[in-house]
């Protein structure tokens, strides 16, 4: 896996050659994690904390890419708040700050599922987002980056989004959504 794949995932999700997700750039975030992994093998304490922080930043970047792609397809106003939370969290200086930001606004993540309509690509993107939140290793994130690149290259971004079609669909059962 490479830092370039991560960069491409963000570029594709944002439809921009230079999405402003990380001040230092996506490549740096990825290579910082690789360096932290090497350093953590030989030490404890601060190196382990840096490893956790670098991992969380990469995971947030992957999650941001999937949420942005979802929003490009769904244009769901409430779900834009999720992207805002993730973008705020990526600015945090340590893992405790990340957790605090996300926990404070955890209810916004429910909005991703409130207006989900039958659309296989949106569902696949949300599934990748969920897997990103569950990922616990760099290898799992690498696999999700590749899966995301493959999926996002298959998406017809120019297909018109017809809100009337979505309105004809029955909303998902609230109890079902709570059990996700």
Protein backbone atom coordinates (compact mmCIF):
# COMPACT_ATOMS: atom_id res chain seq x y z
CA UNK A 1 0.00 0.00 0.00
CA UNK A 2 1.18 3.50 -0.57
CA UNK A 3 0.66 7.04 0.54
CA UNK A 4 -0.26 7.81 -3.06
CA UNK A 5 -3.28 5.47 -2.87
CA UNK A 6 -4.51 7.34 0.20
CA UNK A 7 -3.99 10.63 -1.59
CA UNK A 8 -5.92 9.31 -4.63
CA UNK A 9 -8.80 8.19 -2.41
CA UNK A 10 -9.16 11.70 -1.02
CA UNK A 11 -8.77 13.32 -4.45
CA UNK A 12 -11.45 11.06 -5.91
CA UNK A 13 -13.86 11.56 -3.01
CA UNK A 14 -13.50 15.34 -3.11
CA UNK A 15 -13.21 15.54 -6.90
CA UNK A 16 -10.22 17.79 -6.38
CA UNK A 17 -6.50 17.39 -7.11
CA UNK A 18 -5.69 18.89 -3.71
CA UNK A 19 -8.43 18.42 -1.13
CA UNK A 20 -7.75 20.41 2.01
CA UNK A 21 -8.19 17.67 4.59
CA UNK A 22 -4.74 17.80 6.20
CA UNK A 23 -2.62 20.94 6.42
CA UNK A 24 0.51 18.84 5.88
CA UNK A 25 -1.00 16.77 3.06
CA UNK A 26 -2.32 13.22 2.86
CA UNK A 27 1.06 11.76 1.91
CA UNK A 28 2.64 13.11 5.08
CA UNK A 29 -0.16 11.70 7.25
CA UNK A 30 0.36 8.26 5.74
CA UNK A 31 4.16 8.31 5.98
CA UNK A 32 3.95 9.64 9.56
CA UNK A 33 2.00 6.50 10.49
CA UNK A 34 4.56 4.28 8.78
CA UNK A 35 7.37 6.03 10.71
CA UNK A 36 5.42 5.74 14.00
CA UNK A 37 4.95 2.01 13.36
CA UNK A 38 8.71 1.53 12.94
CA UNK A 39 9.54 3.61 16.02
CA UNK A 40 6.93 1.90 18.22
CA UNK A 41 8.54 -1.49 17.63
CA UNK A 42 11.54 -0.45 19.67
CA UNK A 43 10.04 1.70 22.41
CA UNK A 44 7.09 2.30 24.71
CA UNK A 45 5.32 5.30 26.20
CA UNK A 46 5.41 8.37 23.96
CA UNK A 47 6.14 6.34 20.83
CA UNK A 48 3.02 4.23 21.47
CA UNK A 49 0.92 7.38 21.97
CA UNK A 50 2.27 8.81 18.72
CA UNK A 51 1.43 5.55 16.97
CA UNK A 52 -2.17 5.73 18.22
CA UNK A 53 -2.48 9.36 17.19
CA UNK A 54 -1.00 8.78 13.71
CA UNK A 55 -3.28 5.78 13.20
CA UNK A 56 -6.35 7.79 14.22
CA UNK A 57 -5.46 10.58 11.81
CA UNK A 58 -5.17 8.13 8.92
CA UNK A 59 -8.42 6.45 9.94
CA UNK A 60 -10.14 9.85 10.10
CA UNK A 61 -8.82 10.67 6.63
CA UNK A 62 -10.22 7.45 5.19
CA UNK A 63 -13.55 8.06 6.96
CA UNK A 64 -13.65 11.62 5.63
CA UNK A 65 -13.14 10.32 2.10
CA UNK A 66 -16.06 7.91 2.39
CA UNK A 67 -18.40 10.45 3.99
CA UNK A 68 -17.50 13.05 1.34
CA UNK A 69 -18.18 10.51 -1.44
CA UNK A 70 -21.49 9.61 0.20
CA UNK A 71 -22.44 13.28 0.36
CA UNK A 72 -21.56 13.80 -3.28
CA UNK A 73 -24.06 11.06 -4.14
CA UNK A 74 -26.71 11.74 -1.52
CA UNK A 75 -26.53 15.51 -1.02
CA UNK A 76 -27.89 14.91 2.47
CA UNK A 77 -27.80 18.18 4.42
CA UNK A 78 -27.86 16.52 7.85
CA UNK A 79 -24.99 14.22 6.94
CA UNK A 80 -22.79 17.22 6.17
CA UNK A 81 -22.53 17.61 9.94
CA UNK A 82 -20.72 14.24 10.10
CA UNK A 83 -18.13 15.53 7.68
CA UNK A 84 -17.72 18.65 9.81
CA UNK A 85 -17.17 16.55 12.95
CA UNK A 86 -14.56 14.40 11.22
CA UNK A 87 -12.80 17.44 9.78
CA UNK A 88 -12.74 19.06 13.21
CA UNK A 89 -11.38 15.86 14.78
CA UNK A 90 -8.57 15.60 12.23
CA UNK A 91 -7.27 18.95 13.54
CA UNK A 92 -6.90 17.60 17.09
CA UNK A 93 -3.43 17.42 18.60
CA UNK A 94 -3.78 14.00 20.28
CA UNK A 95 -6.07 10.99 20.54
CA UNK A 96 -7.82 12.32 23.65
CA UNK A 97 -8.86 15.45 21.75
CA UNK A 98 -10.07 13.35 18.84
CA UNK A 99 -12.21 11.23 21.18
CA UNK A 100 -13.57 14.30 22.92
CA UNK A 101 -14.60 15.97 19.64
CA UNK A 102 -16.27 12.84 18.28
CA UNK A 103 -18.02 11.91 21.55
CA UNK A 104 -19.37 15.43 21.97
CA UNK A 105 -21.18 15.20 18.63
CA UNK A 106 -21.69 11.44 18.30
CA UNK A 107 -25.42 11.86 17.60
CA UNK A 108 -24.62 13.47 14.25
CA UNK A 109 -23.42 10.09 12.97
CA UNK A 110 -26.99 8.80 13.19
CA UNK A 111 -27.86 11.26 10.44
CA UNK A 112 -25.95 9.20 7.91
CA UNK A 113 -28.60 6.51 8.22
CA UNK A 114 -31.79 8.53 8.63
CA UNK A 115 -32.22 9.36 4.99
CA UNK A 116 -30.68 6.30 3.39
CA UNK A 117 -32.54 5.22 0.29
CA UNK A 118 -32.12 2.21 -1.90
CA UNK A 119 -28.95 3.03 -3.77
CA UNK A 120 -26.31 0.32 -3.89
CA UNK A 121 -23.36 2.70 -4.26
CA UNK A 122 -24.36 4.84 -1.30
CA UNK A 123 -24.89 1.71 0.77
CA UNK A 124 -21.47 0.36 -0.24
CA UNK A 125 -19.81 3.66 0.66
CA UNK A 126 -21.48 3.66 4.07
CA UNK A 127 -20.40 0.06 4.56
CA UNK A 128 -16.79 1.04 3.86
CA UNK A 129 -17.20 3.96 6.29
CA UNK A 130 -18.42 1.55 8.99
CA UNK A 131 -15.50 -0.79 8.33
CA UNK A 132 -13.15 2.19 8.65
CA UNK A 133 -14.49 2.94 12.11
CA UNK A 134 -13.92 -0.71 13.07
CA UNK A 135 -10.44 -0.95 11.56
CA UNK A 136 -7.71 -1.59 14.07
CA UNK A 137 -4.60 -1.95 11.94
CA UNK A 138 -2.81 -0.14 9.15
CA UNK A 139 -3.29 -3.22 6.96
CA UNK A 140 -7.06 -3.02 7.40
CA UNK A 141 -6.98 0.68 6.47
CA UNK A 142 -4.80 -0.13 3.45
CA UNK A 143 -7.37 -2.65 2.27
CA UNK A 144 -10.21 -0.17 2.79
CA UNK A 145 -8.31 2.48 0.83
CA UNK A 146 -7.95 0.08 -2.10
CA UNK A 147 -11.59 -1.05 -1.86
CA UNK A 148 -12.65 2.60 -1.70
CA UNK A 149 -10.58 3.54 -4.73
CA UNK A 150 -12.09 0.69 -6.69
CA UNK A 151 -15.63 1.60 -5.68
CA UNK A 152 -15.24 5.34 -6.22
CA UNK A 153 -13.86 4.78 -9.71
CA UNK A 154 -17.03 2.83 -10.55
CA UNK A 155 -19.38 5.58 -9.37
CA UNK A 156 -21.17 7.62 -12.01
CA UNK A 157 -20.66 11.02 -10.38
CA UNK A 158 -22.48 12.78 -13.22
CA UNK A 159 -25.69 10.78 -12.89
CA UNK A 160 -28.48 13.13 -11.92
CA UNK A 161 -29.68 12.82 -8.36
CA UNK A 162 -33.44 12.75 -8.44
CA UNK A 163 -34.86 13.65 -5.04
CA UNK A 164 -38.34 12.60 -6.22
CA UNK A 165 -37.08 9.04 -6.73
CA UNK A 166 -35.81 9.03 -3.17
CA UNK A 167 -39.12 10.37 -1.88
CA UNK A 168 -40.93 7.42 -3.44
CA UNK A 169 -38.89 4.97 -1.40
CA UNK A 170 -40.12 3.88 1.99
CA UNK A 171 -37.81 5.04 4.78
CA UNK A 172 -36.01 2.37 6.73
CA UNK A 173 -37.53 1.29 10.00
CA UNK A 174 -36.17 3.39 12.89
CA UNK A 175 -35.78 0.30 15.11
CA UNK A 176 -33.71 -1.37 12.41
CA UNK A 177 -31.47 1.69 12.17
CA UNK A 178 -30.93 1.78 15.93
CA UNK A 179 -29.70 -1.82 15.83
CA UNK A 180 -26.99 -1.09 13.24
